PDB file of all heavy atoms in Angstrom:
ATOM      1  N   ILE A   1     121.094 113.488  67.042  1.00  0.00           N
ATOM      2  CA  ILE A   1     120.421 113.183  65.774  1.00  0.00           C
ATOM      3  C   ILE A   1     120.705 111.722  65.462  1.00  0.00           C
ATOM      4  O   ILE A   1     121.872 111.300  65.398  1.00  0.00           O
ATOM      5  CB  ILE A   1     120.916 114.097  64.639  1.00  0.00           C
ATOM      6  CG1 ILE A   1     120.592 115.551  64.997  1.00  0.00           C
ATOM      7  CG2 ILE A   1     120.258 113.734  63.327  1.00  0.00           C
ATOM      8  CD1 ILE A   1     121.672 116.503  64.740  1.00  0.00           C
ATOM      9  N   PHE A   2     119.647 110.932  65.232  1.00  0.00           N
ATOM     10  CA  PHE A   2     119.829 109.483  65.105  1.00  0.00           C
ATOM     11  C   PHE A   2     118.653 108.894  64.345  1.00  0.00           C
ATOM     12  O   PHE A   2     117.599 109.518  64.186  1.00  0.00           O
ATOM     13  CB  PHE A   2     119.908 108.855  66.508  1.00  0.00           C
ATOM     14  CG  PHE A   2     118.729 109.195  67.392  1.00  0.00           C
ATOM     15  CD1 PHE A   2     117.629 108.361  67.458  1.00  0.00           C
ATOM     16  CD2 PHE A   2     118.714 110.384  68.127  1.00  0.00           C
ATOM     17  CE1 PHE A   2     116.537 108.679  68.258  1.00  0.00           C
ATOM     18  CE2 PHE A   2     117.630 110.704  68.925  1.00  0.00           C
ATOM     19  CZ  PHE A   2     116.541 109.852  68.994  1.00  0.00           C
ATOM     20  N   TYR A   3     118.845 107.649  63.888  1.00  0.00           N
ATOM     21  CA  TYR A   3     117.758 106.900  63.265  1.00  0.00           C
ATOM     22  C   TYR A   3     116.834 106.361  64.349  1.00  0.00           C
ATOM     23  O   TYR A   3     117.277 105.796  65.346  1.00  0.00           O
ATOM     24  CB  TYR A   3     118.298 105.746  62.432  1.00  0.00           C
ATOM     25  CG  TYR A   3     118.865 106.155  61.087  1.00  0.00           C
ATOM     26  CD1 TYR A   3     119.850 105.401  60.461  1.00  0.00           C
ATOM     27  CD2 TYR A   3     118.392 107.279  60.429  1.00  0.00           C
ATOM     28  CE1 TYR A   3     120.348 105.753  59.229  1.00  0.00           C
ATOM     29  CE2 TYR A   3     118.888 107.659  59.194  1.00  0.00           C
ATOM     30  CZ  TYR A   3     119.873 106.893  58.597  1.00  0.00           C
ATOM     31  OH  TYR A   3     120.362 107.253  57.378  1.00  0.00           O
ATOM     32  N   ALA A   4     115.533 106.501  64.097  1.00  0.00           N
ATOM     33  CA  ALA A   4     114.550 106.024  65.072  1.00  0.00           C
ATOM     34  C   ALA A   4     114.331 104.532  64.960  1.00  0.00           C
ATOM     35  O   ALA A   4     113.822 103.912  65.898  1.00  0.00           O
ATOM     36  CB  ALA A   4     113.229 106.765  64.891  1.00  0.00           C
ATOM     37  N   ASP A   5     114.690 103.943  63.838  1.00  0.00           N
ATOM     38  CA  ASP A   5     114.412 102.524  63.617  1.00  0.00           C
ATOM     39  C   ASP A   5     115.509 101.927  62.752  1.00  0.00           C
ATOM     40  O   ASP A   5     116.284 102.654  62.104  1.00  0.00           O
ATOM     41  CB  ASP A   5     113.049 102.366  62.933  1.00  0.00           C
ATOM     42  CG  ASP A   5     112.444 100.983  63.137  1.00  0.00           C
ATOM     43  OD1 ASP A   5     113.194 100.096  63.595  1.00  0.00           O
ATOM     44  OD2 ASP A   5     111.262 100.792  62.819  1.00  0.00           O
ATOM     45  N   LEU A   6     115.551 100.599  62.720  1.00  0.00           N
ATOM     46  CA  LEU A   6     116.521  99.910  61.871  1.00  0.00           C
ATOM     47  C   LEU A   6     116.041  99.762  60.448  1.00  0.00           C
ATOM     48  O   LEU A   6     116.800  99.332  59.574  1.00  0.00           O
ATOM     49  CB  LEU A   6     116.805  98.511  62.448  1.00  0.00           C
ATOM     50  CG  LEU A   6     117.580  98.469  63.769  1.00  0.00           C
ATOM     51  CD1 LEU A   6     117.656  97.038  64.272  1.00  0.00           C
ATOM     52  CD2 LEU A   6     118.963  99.069  63.608  1.00  0.00           C
ATOM     53  N   THR A   7     114.789 100.085  60.180  1.00  0.00           N
ATOM     54  CA  THR A   7     114.232  99.915  58.833  1.00  0.00           C
ATOM     55  C   THR A   7     113.654 101.225  58.327  1.00  0.00           C
ATOM     56  O   THR A   7     113.306 102.128  59.110  1.00  0.00           O
ATOM     57  CB  THR A   7     113.122  98.836  58.826  1.00  0.00           C
ATOM     58  OG1 THR A   7     112.095  99.222  59.739  1.00  0.00           O
ATOM     59  CG2 THR A   7     113.685  97.482  59.220  1.00  0.00           C
ATOM     60  N   ALA A   8     113.566 101.323  57.009  1.00  0.00           N
ATOM     61  CA  ALA A   8     113.025 102.515  56.359  1.00  0.00           C
ATOM     62  C   ALA A   8     112.041 102.077  55.282  1.00  0.00           C
ATOM     63  O   ALA A   8     111.927 100.898  54.954  1.00  0.00           O
ATOM     64  CB  ALA A   8     114.165 103.338  55.738  1.00  0.00           C
ATOM     65  N   THR A   9     111.326 103.039  54.738  1.00  0.00           N
ATOM     66  CA  THR A   9     110.400 102.769  53.636  1.00  0.00           C
ATOM     67  C   THR A   9     111.117 102.973  52.317  1.00  0.00           C
ATOM     68  O   THR A   9     111.780 103.987  52.103  1.00  0.00           O
ATOM     69  CB  THR A   9     109.177 103.708  53.717  1.00  0.00           C
ATOM     70  OG1 THR A   9     108.560 103.555  54.996  1.00  0.00           O
ATOM     71  CG2 THR A   9     108.173 103.381  52.629  1.00  0.00           C
ATOM     72  N   HIS A  10     110.990 101.984  51.444  1.00  0.00           N
ATOM     73  CA  HIS A  10     111.671 101.997  50.153  1.00  0.00           C
ATOM     74  C   HIS A  10     110.632 102.036  49.046  1.00  0.00           C
ATOM     75  O   HIS A  10     109.764 101.168  48.974  1.00  0.00           O
ATOM     76  CB  HIS A  10     112.544 100.740  50.011  1.00  0.00           C
ATOM     77  CG  HIS A  10     113.695 100.915  49.071  1.00  0.00           C
ATOM     78  ND1 HIS A  10     114.186  99.891  48.295  1.00  0.00           N
ATOM     79  CD2 HIS A  10     114.448 101.996  48.772  1.00  0.00           C
ATOM     80  CE1 HIS A  10     115.212 100.338  47.585  1.00  0.00           C
ATOM     81  NE2 HIS A  10     115.374 101.617  47.854  1.00  0.00           N
ATOM     82  N   TYR A  11     110.714 103.063  48.183  1.00  0.00           N
ATOM     83  CA  TYR A  11     109.784 103.221  47.072  1.00  0.00           C
ATOM     84  C   TYR A  11     110.464 102.875  45.761  1.00  0.00           C
ATOM     85  O   TYR A  11     111.672 103.076  45.593  1.00  0.00           O
ATOM     86  CB  TYR A  11     109.236 104.651  47.011  1.00  0.00           C
ATOM     87  CG  TYR A  11     108.420 105.050  48.216  1.00  0.00           C
ATOM     88  CD1 TYR A  11     108.982 105.826  49.231  1.00  0.00           C
ATOM     89  CD2 TYR A  11     107.099 104.660  48.352  1.00  0.00           C
ATOM     90  CE1 TYR A  11     108.242 106.201  50.337  1.00  0.00           C
ATOM     91  CE2 TYR A  11     106.350 105.032  49.456  1.00  0.00           C
ATOM     92  CZ  TYR A  11     106.927 105.802  50.442  1.00  0.00           C
ATOM     93  OH  TYR A  11     106.190 106.158  51.543  1.00  0.00           O
ATOM     94  N   ARG A  12     109.661 102.392  44.814  1.00  0.00           N
ATOM     95  CA  ARG A  12     110.169 102.063  43.473  1.00  0.00           C
ATOM     96  C   ARG A  12     109.362 102.820  42.432  1.00  0.00           C
ATOM     97  O   ARG A  12     108.136 102.800  42.446  1.00  0.00           O
ATOM     98  CB  ARG A  12     110.049 100.555  43.206  1.00  0.00           C
ATOM     99  CG  ARG A  12     110.579 100.132  41.840  1.00  0.00           C
ATOM    100  CD  ARG A  12     110.390  98.644  41.574  1.00  0.00           C
ATOM    101  NE  ARG A  12     108.990  98.302  41.303  1.00  0.00           N
ATOM    102  CZ  ARG A  12     108.233  97.611  42.128  1.00  0.00           C
ATOM    103  NH1 ARG A  12     108.701  97.186  43.301  1.00  0.00           N
ATOM    104  NH2 ARG A  12     106.970  97.329  41.824  1.00  0.00           N
ATOM    105  N   THR A  13     110.078 103.494  41.517  1.00  0.00           N
ATOM    106  CA  THR A  13     109.444 104.153  40.374  1.00  0.00           C
ATOM    107  C   THR A  13     109.626 103.267  39.154  1.00  0.00           C
ATOM    108  O   THR A  13     110.750 102.954  38.767  1.00  0.00           O
ATOM    109  CB  THR A  13     110.054 105.541  40.130  1.00  0.00           C
ATOM    110  OG1 THR A  13     109.863 106.350  41.295  1.00  0.00           O
ATOM    111  CG2 THR A  13     109.411 106.213  38.939  1.00  0.00           C
ATOM    112  N   ASP A  14     108.525 102.853  38.568  1.00  0.00           N
ATOM    113  CA  ASP A  14     108.566 101.929  37.435  1.00  0.00           C
ATOM    114  C   ASP A  14     107.580 102.405  36.375  1.00  0.00           C
ATOM    115  O   ASP A  14     106.753 103.293  36.622  1.00  0.00           O
ATOM    116  CB  ASP A  14     108.202 100.518  37.916  1.00  0.00           C
ATOM    117  CG  ASP A  14     108.778  99.430  37.008  1.00  0.00           C
ATOM    118  OD1 ASP A  14     109.248  99.768  35.908  1.00  0.00           O
ATOM    119  OD2 ASP A  14     108.756  98.252  37.413  1.00  0.00           O
ATOM    120  N   ILE A  15     107.676 101.813  35.184  1.00  0.00           N
ATOM    121  CA  ILE A  15     106.708 102.143  34.149  1.00  0.00           C
ATOM    122  C   ILE A  15     105.340 101.647  34.599  1.00  0.00           C
ATOM    123  O   ILE A  15     105.213 100.577  35.181  1.00  0.00           O
ATOM    124  CB  ILE A  15     107.106 101.550  32.782  1.00  0.00           C
ATOM    125  CG1 ILE A  15     107.326 100.029  32.897  1.00  0.00           C
ATOM    126  CG2 ILE A  15     108.332 102.222  32.238  1.00  0.00           C
ATOM    127  CD1 ILE A  15     107.647  99.369  31.594  1.00  0.00           C
ATOM    128  N   SER A  16     104.309 102.434  34.307  1.00  0.00           N
ATOM    129  CA  SER A  16     102.977 102.063  34.790  1.00  0.00           C
ATOM    130  C   SER A  16     102.457 100.818  34.088  1.00  0.00           C
ATOM    131  O   SER A  16     101.807  99.975  34.715  1.00  0.00           O
ATOM    132  CB  SER A  16     102.006 103.221  34.577  1.00  0.00           C
ATOM    133  OG  SER A  16     101.968 103.602  33.206  1.00  0.00           O
ATOM    134  N   GLN A  17     102.734 100.673  32.790  1.00  0.00           N
ATOM    135  CA  GLN A  17     102.303  99.493  32.038  1.00  0.00           C
ATOM    136  C   GLN A  17     103.318  99.182  30.957  1.00  0.00           C
ATOM    137  O   GLN A  17     103.664 100.059  30.171  1.00  0.00           O
ATOM    138  CB  GLN A  17     100.929  99.730  31.394  1.00  0.00           C
ATOM    139  CG  GLN A  17      99.744  99.544  32.321  1.00  0.00           C
ATOM    140  CD  GLN A  17      98.428  99.578  31.558  1.00  0.00           C
ATOM    141  OE1 GLN A  17      98.287 100.256  30.560  1.00  0.00           O
ATOM    142  NE2 GLN A  17      97.454  98.832  32.038  1.00  0.00           N
ATOM    143  N   ASP A  18     103.770  97.924  30.912  1.00  0.00           N
ATOM    144  CA  ASP A  18     104.600  97.506  29.807  1.00  0.00           C
ATOM    145  C   ASP A  18     103.701  96.938  28.709  1.00  0.00           C
ATOM    146  O   ASP A  18     102.468  96.985  28.799  1.00  0.00           O
ATOM    147  CB  ASP A  18     105.632  96.471  30.265  1.00  0.00           C
ATOM    148  CG  ASP A  18     104.979  95.279  30.956  1.00  0.00           C
ATOM    149  OD1 ASP A  18     103.748  95.163  30.910  1.00  0.00           O
ATOM    150  OD2 ASP A  18     105.716  94.466  31.541  1.00  0.00           O
ATOM    151  N   SER A  19     104.304  96.410  27.641  1.00  0.00           N
ATOM    152  CA  SER A  19     103.505  95.905  26.515  1.00  0.00           C
ATOM    153  C   SER A  19     102.584  94.772  26.946  1.00  0.00           C
ATOM    154  O   SER A  19     101.437  94.681  26.497  1.00  0.00           O
ATOM    155  CB  SER A  19     104.434  95.429  25.394  1.00  0.00           C
ATOM    156  OG  SER A  19     105.353  94.460  25.884  1.00  0.00           O
ATOM    157  N   LEU A  20     103.050  93.929  27.863  1.00  0.00           N
ATOM    158  CA  LEU A  20     102.218  92.838  28.353  1.00  0.00           C
ATOM    159  C   LEU A  20     101.048  93.375  29.174  1.00  0.00           C
ATOM    160  O   LEU A  20      99.911  92.880  29.082  1.00  0.00           O
ATOM    161  CB  LEU A  20     103.061  91.882  29.199  1.00  0.00           C
ATOM    162  CG  LEU A  20     102.362  90.588  29.670  1.00  0.00           C
ATOM    163  CD1 LEU A  20     101.899  89.772  28.472  1.00  0.00           C
ATOM    164  CD2 LEU A  20     103.294  89.775  30.555  1.00  0.00           C
ATOM    165  N   GLY A  21     101.294  94.427  29.954  1.00  0.00           N
ATOM    166  CA  GLY A  21     100.228  95.027  30.736  1.00  0.00           C
ATOM    167  C   GLY A  21      99.170  95.681  29.857  1.00  0.00           C
ATOM    168  O   GLY A  21      97.969  95.599  30.136  1.00  0.00           O
ATOM    169  N   VAL A  22      99.644  96.376  28.801  1.00  0.00           N
ATOM    170  CA  VAL A  22      98.683  96.989  27.864  1.00  0.00           C
ATOM    171  C   VAL A  22      97.848  95.923  27.193  1.00  0.00           C
ATOM    172  O   VAL A  22      96.616  96.058  27.048  1.00  0.00           O
ATOM    173  CB  VAL A  22      99.443  97.841  26.811  1.00  0.00           C
ATOM    174  CG1 VAL A  22      98.490  98.331  25.727  1.00  0.00           C
ATOM    175  CG2 VAL A  22     100.136  99.015  27.480  1.00  0.00           C
ATOM    176  N   LEU A  23      98.490  94.819  26.773  1.00  0.00           N
ATOM    177  CA  LEU A  23      97.752  93.726  26.135  1.00  0.00           C
ATOM    178  C   LEU A  23      96.709  93.148  27.093  1.00  0.00           C
ATOM    179  O   LEU A  23      95.562  92.892  26.711  1.00  0.00           O
ATOM    180  CB  LEU A  23      98.726  92.644  25.699  1.00  0.00           C
ATOM    181  CG  LEU A  23      98.120  91.403  25.012  1.00  0.00           C
ATOM    182  CD1 LEU A  23      97.416  91.791  23.731  1.00  0.00           C
ATOM    183  CD2 LEU A  23      99.186  90.353  24.747  1.00  0.00           C
ATOM    184  N   ALA A  24      97.095  92.942  28.345  1.00  0.00           N
ATOM    185  CA  ALA A  24      96.159  92.390  29.335  1.00  0.00           C
ATOM    186  C   ALA A  24      95.007  93.349  29.598  1.00  0.00           C
ATOM    187  O   ALA A  24      93.847  92.928  29.715  1.00  0.00           O
ATOM    188  CB  ALA A  24      96.904  92.068  30.617  1.00  0.00           C
ATOM    189  N   SER A  25      95.333  94.650  29.679  1.00  0.00           N
ATOM    190  CA  SER A  25      94.275  95.640  29.927  1.00  0.00           C
ATOM    191  C   SER A  25      93.279  95.702  28.780  1.00  0.00           C
ATOM    192  O   SER A  25      92.057  95.658  28.984  1.00  0.00           O
ATOM    193  CB  SER A  25      94.911  97.014  30.156  1.00  0.00           C
ATOM    194  OG  SER A  25      93.937  98.010  30.276  1.00  0.00           O
ATOM    195  N   PHE A  26      93.806  95.802  27.548  1.00  0.00           N
ATOM    196  CA  PHE A  26      92.929  95.860  26.387  1.00  0.00           C
ATOM    197  C   PHE A  26      92.129  94.561  26.252  1.00  0.00           C
ATOM    198  O   PHE A  26      90.930  94.583  25.948  1.00  0.00           O
ATOM    199  CB  PHE A  26      93.739  96.116  25.124  1.00  0.00           C
ATOM    200  CG  PHE A  26      94.167  97.555  24.981  1.00  0.00           C
ATOM    201  CD1 PHE A  26      94.190  98.406  26.063  1.00  0.00           C
ATOM    202  CD2 PHE A  26      94.568  98.043  23.758  1.00  0.00           C
ATOM    203  CE1 PHE A  26      94.591  99.726  25.933  1.00  0.00           C
ATOM    204  CE2 PHE A  26      94.953  99.364  23.605  1.00  0.00           C
ATOM    205  CZ  PHE A  26      94.971 100.202  24.707  1.00  0.00           C
ATOM    206  N   GLY A  27      92.800  93.418  26.458  1.00  0.00           N
ATOM    207  CA  GLY A  27      92.117  92.132  26.348  1.00  0.00           C
ATOM    208  C   GLY A  27      91.004  91.981  27.361  1.00  0.00           C
ATOM    209  O   GLY A  27      89.936  91.445  27.077  1.00  0.00           O
ATOM    210  N   GLY A  28      91.252  92.466  28.599  1.00  0.00           N
ATOM    211  CA  GLY A  28      90.231  92.394  29.631  1.00  0.00           C
ATOM    212  C   GLY A  28      89.002  93.228  29.296  1.00  0.00           C
ATOM    213  O   GLY A  28      87.862  92.773  29.483  1.00  0.00           O
ATOM    214  N   ILE A  29      89.226  94.449  28.772  1.00  0.00           N
ATOM    215  CA  ILE A  29      88.107  95.311  28.414  1.00  0.00           C
ATOM    216  C   ILE A  29      87.315  94.714  27.258  1.00  0.00           C
ATOM    217  O   ILE A  29      86.065  94.627  27.295  1.00  0.00           O
ATOM    218  CB  ILE A  29      88.622  96.713  28.064  1.00  0.00           C
ATOM    219  CG1 ILE A  29      89.201  97.393  29.299  1.00  0.00           C
ATOM    220  CG2 ILE A  29      87.497  97.570  27.476  1.00  0.00           C
ATOM    221  CD1 ILE A  29      89.890  98.700  29.013  1.00  0.00           C
ATOM    222  N   LEU A  30      88.002  94.270  26.204  1.00  0.00           N
ATOM    223  CA  LEU A  30      87.311  93.695  25.043  1.00  0.00           C
ATOM    224  C   LEU A  30      86.600  92.389  25.411  1.00  0.00           C
ATOM    225  O   LEU A  30      85.505  92.109  24.922  1.00  0.00           O
ATOM    226  CB  LEU A  30      88.315  93.464  23.916  1.00  0.00           C
ATOM    227  CG  LEU A  30      88.911  94.722  23.278  1.00  0.00           C
ATOM    228  CD1 LEU A  30      90.001  94.350  22.285  1.00  0.00           C
ATOM    229  CD2 LEU A  30      87.832  95.541  22.585  1.00  0.00           C
ATOM    230  N   GLY A  31      87.233  91.588  26.281  1.00  0.00           N
ATOM    231  CA  GLY A  31      86.589  90.338  26.680  1.00  0.00           C
ATOM    232  C   GLY A  31      85.365  90.580  27.539  1.00  0.00           C
ATOM    233  O   GLY A  31      84.362  89.882  27.429  1.00  0.00           O
ATOM    234  N   LEU A  32      85.430  91.597  28.421  1.00  0.00           N
ATOM    235  CA  LEU A  32      84.310  91.867  29.314  1.00  0.00           C
ATOM    236  C   LEU A  32      83.083  92.391  28.555  1.00  0.00           C
ATOM    237  O   LEU A  32      81.958  91.970  28.824  1.00  0.00           O
ATOM    238  CB  LEU A  32      84.750  92.888  30.372  1.00  0.00           C
ATOM    239  CG  LEU A  32      83.677  93.369  31.349  1.00  0.00           C
ATOM    240  CD1 LEU A  32      83.211  92.208  32.228  1.00  0.00           C
ATOM    241  CD2 LEU A  32      84.203  94.503  32.215  1.00  0.00           C
ATOM    242  N   PHE A  33      83.303  93.295  27.626  1.00  0.00           N
ATOM    243  CA  PHE A  33      82.170  93.928  26.953  1.00  0.00           C
ATOM    244  C   PHE A  33      81.739  93.196  25.674  1.00  0.00           C
ATOM    245  O   PHE A  33      80.562  93.243  25.310  1.00  0.00           O
ATOM    246  CB  PHE A  33      82.529  95.382  26.597  1.00  0.00           C
ATOM    247  CG  PHE A  33      82.491  96.301  27.783  1.00  0.00           C
ATOM    248  CD1 PHE A  33      83.617  96.493  28.567  1.00  0.00           C
ATOM    249  CD2 PHE A  33      81.339  96.981  28.122  1.00  0.00           C
ATOM    250  CE1 PHE A  33      83.582  97.333  29.663  1.00  0.00           C
ATOM    251  CE2 PHE A  33      81.292  97.836  29.209  1.00  0.00           C
ATOM    252  CZ  PHE A  33      82.429  98.010  29.987  1.00  0.00           C
ATOM    253  N   LEU A  34      82.690  92.553  24.976  1.00  0.00           N
ATOM    254  CA  LEU A  34      82.361  91.989  23.670  1.00  0.00           C
ATOM    255  C   LEU A  34      82.619  90.499  23.588  1.00  0.00           C
ATOM    256  O   LEU A  34      82.199  89.858  22.604  1.00  0.00           O
ATOM    257  CB  LEU A  34      83.164  92.702  22.575  1.00  0.00           C
ATOM    258  CG  LEU A  34      82.973  94.226  22.472  1.00  0.00           C
ATOM    259  CD1 LEU A  34      83.919  94.794  21.441  1.00  0.00           C
ATOM    260  CD2 LEU A  34      81.532  94.566  22.136  1.00  0.00           C
ATOM    261  N   GLY A  35      83.360  89.923  24.525  1.00  0.00           N
ATOM    262  CA  GLY A  35      83.745  88.530  24.385  1.00  0.00           C
ATOM    263  C   GLY A  35      84.804  88.334  23.319  1.00  0.00           C
ATOM    264  O   GLY A  35      84.931  87.248  22.744  1.00  0.00           O
ATOM    265  N   PHE A  36      85.603  89.365  23.058  1.00  0.00           N
ATOM    266  CA  PHE A  36      86.608  89.319  21.986  1.00  0.00           C
ATOM    267  C   PHE A  36      87.840  88.565  22.460  1.00  0.00           C
ATOM    268  O   PHE A  36      88.250  88.657  23.614  1.00  0.00           O
ATOM    269  CB  PHE A  36      86.989  90.741  21.585  1.00  0.00           C
ATOM    270  CG  PHE A  36      87.877  90.819  20.393  1.00  0.00           C
ATOM    271  CD1 PHE A  36      87.347  90.831  19.109  1.00  0.00           C
ATOM    272  CD2 PHE A  36      89.251  90.858  20.532  1.00  0.00           C
ATOM    273  CE1 PHE A  36      88.170  90.901  18.007  1.00  0.00           C
ATOM    274  CE2 PHE A  36      90.078  90.919  19.445  1.00  0.00           C
ATOM    275  CZ  PHE A  36      89.543  90.943  18.162  1.00  0.00           C
ATOM    276  N   SER A  37      88.436  87.781  21.542  1.00  0.00           N
ATOM    277  CA  SER A  37      89.670  87.060  21.812  1.00  0.00           C
ATOM    278  C   SER A  37      90.513  87.013  20.546  1.00  0.00           C
ATOM    279  O   SER A  37      90.086  87.477  19.478  1.00  0.00           O
ATOM    280  CB  SER A  37      89.371  85.632  22.302  1.00  0.00           C
ATOM    281  OG  SER A  37      88.771  84.879  21.253  1.00  0.00           O
ATOM    282  N   ILE A  38      91.692  86.460  20.661  1.00  0.00           N
ATOM    283  CA  ILE A  38      92.575  86.352  19.502  1.00  0.00           C
ATOM    284  C   ILE A  38      91.925  85.472  18.416  1.00  0.00           C
ATOM    285  O   ILE A  38      91.964  85.787  17.213  1.00  0.00           O
ATOM    286  CB  ILE A  38      93.941  85.768  19.915  1.00  0.00           C
ATOM    287  CG1 ILE A  38      94.624  86.689  20.932  1.00  0.00           C
ATOM    288  CG2 ILE A  38      94.821  85.563  18.698  1.00  0.00           C
ATOM    289  CD1 ILE A  38      95.000  88.039  20.405  1.00  0.00           C
TER     290      ILE A  38
END
């Protein structure tokens, strides 16, 4: 029983969207459809 390779696959579990991501997502949608900005 042994490792087949010197490397492995490493996964990261993170929050899907932080506050900056939500702001960018909402801003992108509003800008695309309405041209809305601050």
